[in-house]
Protein backbone atom coordinates (compact mmCIF):
# COMPACT_ATOMS: atom_id res chain seq x y z
CA MET A 1 19.98 -16.10 -5.47
CA ASN A 2 20.57 -19.82 -4.99
CA PRO A 3 17.71 -21.55 -6.90
CA MET A 4 17.53 -24.17 -4.13
CA GLN A 5 16.71 -21.54 -1.52
CA PRO A 6 13.06 -20.44 -1.17
CA MET A 7 12.52 -16.73 -1.80
CA LYS A 8 12.44 -14.68 1.40
CA PRO A 9 8.95 -13.36 2.15
CA ILE A 10 7.51 -9.94 1.48
CA VAL A 11 6.58 -8.74 4.98
CA VAL A 12 3.75 -6.19 4.86
CA ILE A 13 3.24 -4.28 8.13
CA GLY A 14 0.14 -2.13 8.33
CA SER A 15 -3.58 -1.71 8.73
CA SER A 16 -6.44 -4.19 8.54
CA ASN A 17 -9.91 -2.66 8.09
CA THR A 18 -13.39 -3.70 7.14
CA ASP A 19 -14.61 -1.41 4.33
CA MET A 20 -18.26 -0.39 4.16
CA VAL A 21 -18.71 1.02 0.65
CA VAL A 22 -21.67 2.93 -0.81
CA LYS A 23 -21.60 3.52 -4.58
CA THR A 24 -23.74 6.57 -5.37
CA ALA A 25 -24.39 8.86 -8.36
CA THR A 26 -22.86 11.90 -6.65
CA LEU A 27 -20.91 12.47 -3.43
CA PRO A 28 -23.00 14.30 -0.80
CA ARG A 29 -22.04 17.79 0.32
CA PRO A 30 -21.97 18.50 4.09
CA GLY A 31 -25.52 18.22 5.43
CA GLU A 32 -26.84 16.61 2.23
CA THR A 33 -28.33 13.10 1.92
CA VAL A 34 -27.94 11.23 -1.38
CA THR A 35 -30.20 8.17 -1.77
CA GLY A 36 -30.28 5.28 -4.25
CA GLY A 37 -26.78 3.91 -3.64
CA GLU A 38 -25.49 0.32 -3.70
CA PHE A 39 -23.83 -1.16 -0.57
CA LEU A 40 -20.76 -3.40 -0.48
CA LEU A 41 -18.98 -4.88 2.57
CA ALA A 42 -15.35 -5.76 1.83
CA ALA A 43 -12.03 -6.43 3.52
CA GLY A 44 -9.73 -3.39 3.32
CA GLY A 45 -7.03 -1.34 5.06
CA LYS A 46 -3.96 -0.19 3.15
CA GLY A 47 -1.68 -2.80 4.70
CA ALA A 48 -4.11 -5.64 4.04
CA ASN A 49 -4.82 -4.45 0.49
CA GLN A 50 -1.09 -4.41 -0.31
CA ALA A 51 -0.55 -7.84 1.24
CA VAL A 52 -3.43 -9.33 -0.76
CA ALA A 53 -2.29 -7.58 -3.96
CA ALA A 54 1.18 -9.13 -3.68
CA ALA A 55 -0.17 -12.57 -2.68
CA ARG A 56 -2.69 -12.78 -5.55
CA LEU A 57 0.12 -12.11 -8.02
CA GLY A 58 2.10 -15.02 -6.59
CA GLY A 59 4.16 -13.33 -3.88
CA ASN A 60 5.22 -15.13 -0.69
CA VAL A 61 3.60 -12.75 1.83
CA THR A 62 3.57 -12.42 5.63
CA PHE A 63 1.08 -9.82 6.90
CA ILE A 64 1.67 -8.20 10.30
CA ALA A 65 -1.23 -6.17 11.73
CA LYS A 66 -3.49 -5.64 14.75
CA VAL A 67 -7.19 -6.54 14.72
CA GLY A 68 -9.90 -6.71 17.38
CA ALA A 69 -11.13 -9.85 19.13
CA ASP A 70 -14.40 -9.48 17.18
CA SER A 71 -16.20 -10.99 14.19
CA PHE A 72 -14.63 -8.50 11.76
CA GLY A 73 -11.19 -9.58 13.00
CA ASP A 74 -12.13 -13.26 12.59
CA GLN A 75 -13.36 -12.62 9.03
CA ALA A 76 -10.23 -10.64 8.15
CA ILE A 77 -7.80 -13.35 9.28
CA ALA A 78 -9.84 -16.09 7.56
CA GLY A 79 -9.76 -14.02 4.36
CA TYR A 80 -5.98 -13.54 4.47
CA LYS A 81 -5.43 -17.27 5.04
CA LYS A 82 -7.61 -18.01 2.00
CA GLU A 83 -5.27 -15.79 -0.04
CA GLY A 84 -2.28 -17.90 1.10
CA ILE A 85 -0.91 -15.16 3.37
CA ASP A 86 1.02 -16.06 6.55
CA THR A 87 -1.14 -14.59 9.37
CA SER A 88 0.87 -15.99 12.30
CA GLN A 89 2.13 -12.51 13.29
CA ILE A 90 -1.29 -10.77 13.41
CA GLY A 91 -2.08 -9.55 16.95
CA ARG A 92 -5.58 -9.54 18.52
CA GLU A 93 -6.74 -6.73 20.83
CA GLN A 94 -9.34 -7.63 23.46
CA ASP A 95 -10.30 -4.03 24.23
CA HIS A 96 -10.33 -2.46 20.75
CA ALA A 97 -12.45 -3.08 17.66
CA THR A 98 -11.09 -4.06 14.26
CA GLY A 99 -10.59 -0.97 12.08
CA ILE A 100 -13.54 0.26 10.00
CA ALA A 101 -13.52 2.44 6.86
CA LEU A 102 -16.67 4.16 5.56
CA ILE A 103 -16.25 4.81 1.83
CA LEU A 104 -18.47 6.75 -0.58
CA VAL A 105 -17.75 6.31 -4.30
CA ASP A 106 -19.44 8.30 -7.11
CA GLN A 107 -20.12 7.22 -10.72
CA ASN A 108 -16.74 8.67 -11.85
CA GLY A 109 -14.78 6.60 -9.33
CA GLU A 110 -14.04 9.58 -7.01
CA ASN A 111 -14.23 8.70 -3.32
CA LEU A 112 -14.59 10.05 0.23
CA ILE A 113 -13.21 7.88 3.06
CA SER A 114 -13.50 8.10 6.85
CA VAL A 115 -11.61 5.60 9.03
CA ALA A 116 -12.06 4.47 12.66
CA SER A 117 -8.62 2.97 13.33
CA GLY A 118 -9.51 0.75 16.31
CA ALA A 119 -6.86 -1.94 16.93
CA ASN A 120 -4.66 -0.53 14.14
CA ALA A 121 -3.61 2.26 16.50
CA VAL A 122 -2.72 0.00 19.44
CA TRP A 123 0.90 -1.25 19.28
CA SER A 124 3.03 -2.09 22.32
CA ASP A 125 6.75 -2.66 22.86
CA ALA A 126 5.85 -6.34 23.26
CA ASP A 127 4.34 -6.32 19.73
CA LEU A 128 7.56 -4.86 18.33
CA ALA A 129 9.69 -7.45 20.12
CA ARG A 130 7.40 -10.29 18.96
CA ILE A 131 7.70 -9.42 15.25
CA ARG A 132 11.36 -8.36 15.19
CA ASN A 133 12.59 -11.70 13.86
CA ALA A 134 10.05 -11.72 11.00
CA VAL A 135 11.29 -8.27 9.93
CA GLU A 136 14.96 -9.30 10.05
CA GLN A 137 14.27 -12.44 7.97
CA ALA A 138 12.25 -10.65 5.26
CA GLY A 139 13.22 -10.22 1.62
CA LEU A 140 11.45 -6.83 1.58
CA VAL A 141 9.41 -4.94 4.21
CA VAL A 142 6.44 -2.82 3.13
CA PHE A 143 4.87 -0.03 5.23
CA GLN A 144 2.06 2.52 4.91
CA LEU A 145 0.90 5.14 7.44
CA GLU A 146 -2.40 3.78 8.82
CA ILE A 147 -0.55 2.50 11.90
CA PRO A 148 1.37 4.78 14.33
CA LEU A 149 4.33 6.57 12.75
CA ASN A 150 6.63 5.65 15.65
CA VAL A 151 5.92 1.94 14.95
CA VAL A 152 6.81 2.39 11.27
CA ALA A 153 10.00 4.28 12.20
CA ALA A 154 11.09 1.69 14.78
CA LEU A 155 10.52 -1.29 12.48
CA ALA A 156 12.10 0.45 9.47
CA GLN A 157 15.19 0.86 11.64
CA VAL A 158 15.14 -2.87 12.48
CA ALA A 159 14.88 -3.71 8.75
CA ALA A 160 17.65 -1.28 7.75
CA ASP A 161 19.96 -2.60 10.49
CA ALA A 162 19.39 -6.14 9.15
CA GLY A 163 20.09 -5.06 5.54
CA VAL A 164 16.46 -5.66 4.49
CA PRO A 165 15.11 -3.22 1.84
CA VAL A 166 12.18 -1.03 2.93
CA LEU A 167 9.31 0.10 0.66
CA LEU A 168 7.24 2.93 2.18
CA ASP A 169 3.91 4.05 0.73
CA PRO A 170 3.45 7.31 2.72
CA ALA A 171 -0.35 7.19 2.78
CA PRO A 172 -2.34 8.80 4.23
CA ALA A 173 -0.10 11.84 3.66
CA ALA A 174 2.07 12.88 6.61
CA GLU A 175 5.31 14.74 7.21
CA LEU A 176 8.06 12.19 7.79
CA PRO A 177 11.06 12.43 10.14
CA ALA A 178 14.49 12.46 8.48
CA GLU A 179 15.64 9.36 10.39
CA LEU A 180 12.74 7.36 8.88
CA LEU A 181 13.46 8.55 5.33
CA ARG A 182 17.11 7.52 5.71
CA ASN A 183 15.94 3.94 6.33
CA VAL A 184 13.60 3.86 3.30
CA THR A 185 14.96 2.15 0.17
CA TYR A 186 11.98 2.96 -2.08
CA LEU A 187 9.46 5.75 -1.36
CA LYS A 188 6.18 5.53 -3.34
CA PRO A 189 3.95 8.59 -2.81
CA ASN A 190 1.17 9.94 -5.02
CA GLU A 191 1.20 13.65 -6.01
CA HIS A 192 -0.41 14.85 -2.77
CA GLU A 193 1.79 12.68 -0.54
CA ALA A 194 4.92 13.70 -2.45
CA GLU A 195 4.06 17.36 -1.80
CA THR A 196 3.48 16.71 1.92
CA VAL A 197 6.82 14.93 2.37
CA SER A 198 8.97 17.05 0.00
CA GLY A 199 7.34 20.48 0.30
CA VAL A 200 7.21 20.68 -3.54
CA LYS A 201 3.72 21.10 -5.06
CA VAL A 202 3.24 18.42 -7.74
CA VAL A 203 1.08 19.55 -10.67
CA ASP A 204 2.89 18.11 -13.71
CA GLU A 205 5.90 16.03 -14.75
CA ALA A 206 8.41 18.85 -14.18
CA SER A 207 7.23 19.48 -10.61
CA ALA A 208 7.14 15.71 -9.95
CA ILE A 209 10.82 15.57 -10.95
CA LYS A 210 11.61 18.42 -8.50
CA ALA A 211 9.72 16.61 -5.72
CA ALA A 212 11.52 13.32 -6.47
CA GLU A 213 14.91 15.09 -6.37
CA ARG A 214 13.97 16.59 -3.00
CA LEU A 215 12.91 13.17 -1.63
CA LEU A 216 16.33 11.74 -2.48
CA GLU A 217 18.00 14.80 -0.89
CA LEU A 218 15.97 14.09 2.27
CA GLY A 219 17.59 10.66 2.51
CA VAL A 220 15.58 8.07 0.55
CA ARG A 221 18.23 5.46 -0.18
CA LYS A 222 17.53 4.15 -3.67
CA ALA A 223 14.53 5.57 -5.54
CA ALA A 224 11.48 7.82 -5.39
CA VAL A 225 8.48 6.61 -7.39
CA ILE A 226 5.70 9.23 -7.60
CA THR A 227 2.42 7.88 -8.97
CA LEU A 228 0.56 10.37 -11.17
CA GLY A 229 -2.82 8.65 -11.68
CA ALA A 230 -3.73 8.13 -15.34
CA LYS A 231 -0.37 9.62 -16.45
CA GLY A 232 1.61 6.76 -14.88
CA ALA A 233 4.56 7.06 -12.49
CA LEU A 234 7.64 9.30 -12.31
CA VAL A 235 10.73 7.29 -11.29
CA LEU A 236 13.99 8.79 -10.06
CA GLU A 237 16.74 6.41 -8.98
CA ARG A 238 19.74 7.74 -7.04
CA GLY A 239 22.42 8.60 -9.60
CA GLY A 240 19.98 8.18 -12.51
CA LYS A 241 17.79 10.33 -14.76
CA PRO A 242 14.06 10.85 -14.09
CA GLN A 243 11.78 8.65 -16.22
CA LEU A 244 8.01 8.76 -16.70
CA VAL A 245 6.58 5.23 -16.96
CA PRO A 246 3.15 5.58 -18.65
CA ALA A 247 0.00 3.84 -17.41
CA PRO A 248 -2.38 1.90 -19.68
CA LYS A 249 -5.61 3.70 -20.68
CA ILE A 250 -8.71 2.40 -18.88
CA GLN A 251 -12.28 3.40 -17.90
CA ALA A 252 -12.09 3.78 -14.11
CA ALA A 253 -14.95 2.39 -11.98
CA ASP A 254 -13.42 2.75 -8.49
CA SER A 255 -9.91 4.03 -7.74
CA THR A 256 -10.08 3.12 -3.99
CA ALA A 257 -7.40 0.42 -4.12
CA ALA A 258 -5.36 1.55 -7.15
CA GLY A 259 -2.50 2.91 -5.01
CA ASP A 260 -2.42 -0.22 -2.86
CA ALA A 261 -2.56 -2.45 -5.96
CA PHE A 262 0.46 -0.56 -7.31
CA THR A 263 2.42 -0.94 -4.06
CA GLY A 264 1.64 -4.65 -3.69
CA ALA A 265 2.62 -5.35 -7.29
CA PHE A 266 5.75 -3.21 -7.01
CA ALA A 267 6.79 -5.14 -3.87
CA TRP A 268 6.15 -8.48 -5.64
CA GLN A 269 8.39 -7.44 -8.53
CA LEU A 270 11.17 -5.96 -6.35
CA ASN A 271 11.27 -9.07 -4.19
CA GLN A 272 11.99 -11.14 -7.31
CA GLY A 273 14.91 -8.87 -8.22
CA ILE A 274 13.10 -7.33 -11.21
CA GLU A 275 14.70 -4.13 -12.59
CA LEU A 276 13.11 -0.92 -11.21
CA LEU A 277 11.48 0.48 -14.38
CA GLU A 278 10.02 -2.90 -15.33
CA ALA A 279 8.69 -3.32 -11.77
CA VAL A 280 6.97 0.09 -12.07
CA ARG A 281 5.56 -0.78 -15.52
CA ILE A 282 3.99 -3.98 -14.14
CA ALA A 283 2.70 -2.11 -11.06
CA ASN A 284 1.05 0.49 -13.34
CA HIS A 285 -0.84 -2.31 -15.12
CA VAL A 286 -1.98 -3.90 -11.85
CA ALA A 287 -3.19 -0.51 -10.53
CA ALA A 288 -5.05 0.24 -13.77
CA LEU A 289 -6.73 -3.17 -13.78
CA SER A 290 -7.86 -2.77 -10.15
CA ALA A 291 -9.41 0.65 -10.93
CA THR A 292 -11.75 -0.95 -13.48
CA ARG A 293 -13.49 -2.90 -10.68
CA MET A 294 -15.44 -2.07 -7.51
CA GLY A 295 -14.17 -2.48 -3.94
CA ALA A 296 -10.70 -2.60 -2.43
CA GLN A 297 -9.60 -6.23 -2.10
CA PRO A 298 -12.29 -7.55 -4.51
CA SER A 299 -10.70 -5.42 -7.26
CA LEU A 300 -7.16 -6.80 -6.86
CA PRO A 301 -6.16 -9.00 -9.83
CA THR A 302 -4.62 -12.46 -9.95
CA ARG A 303 -1.46 -13.23 -11.93
CA LYS A 304 -3.56 -14.79 -14.71
CA GLU A 305 -5.81 -11.71 -14.96
CA LEU A 306 -2.71 -9.49 -15.10
CA ASP A 307 -1.15 -11.59 -17.88
CA ASN A 308 -4.38 -11.43 -19.91
CA PHE A 309 -4.66 -7.65 -19.37
CA ILE A 310 -1.05 -7.04 -20.50
CA ARG A 311 -1.61 -9.23 -23.58
């Protein structure tokens, strides 16, 4: 890269939600009420979390999303601007609310999440035409699956046609069409998502390797990176050997945003041209650090916090 040229932006395309979090001793069973919890209102949504994760680490980030013409939408956009994120491509929906996620977290960091998608689900052909140029000019495009799958597929095609690498975090888990996988440069599922996409049940390192091999057979262009929680991440690059990149040991408080922290950090590293295994190692540290803190976006670390944690 010419040092005189500014780095092309990471363009994150995905969901923007407001998270309503209750931290409680135990998760309720159906029909049960558990009292005595603590309440937290925080900005969330997988797309937004990943955009903020990359921006806090120093990435040049453009976030593309849909929010409602409501106070939650106003708060979300103001929050992204504060993080230094380019919000010029965020669309407002007059007739749909900003997305909401209701999250219950127990004392071990396990969670239950229910999402009302609202404006996240409302994308038009005009939206796709409006953001096409931003996709084509990106250094890297990042997707998740909290917006319609046909939108992800269409924009991944635009990116691939323009020679822009695509990072897909296939969460929440869904079966993916072959034509989408063929446009994905890096696929980053967790165990459950890897099983949904590949058809291979992931229970250990050996089965993770089988799943990663299957993901490359299905068309993923460059690498499958399967996150395995506390064990780290299994990386298989096309033409390479599988490698387990271990995660640092931590005491988890809330794992809600760990996957998004990983993806945002991974995107930040890839966009700087960092070698794949080193990018995964850094992403493991960012994910671990986020899991030691409560909330989605409040838990995402800055570059200085990451440097101190690694030291």
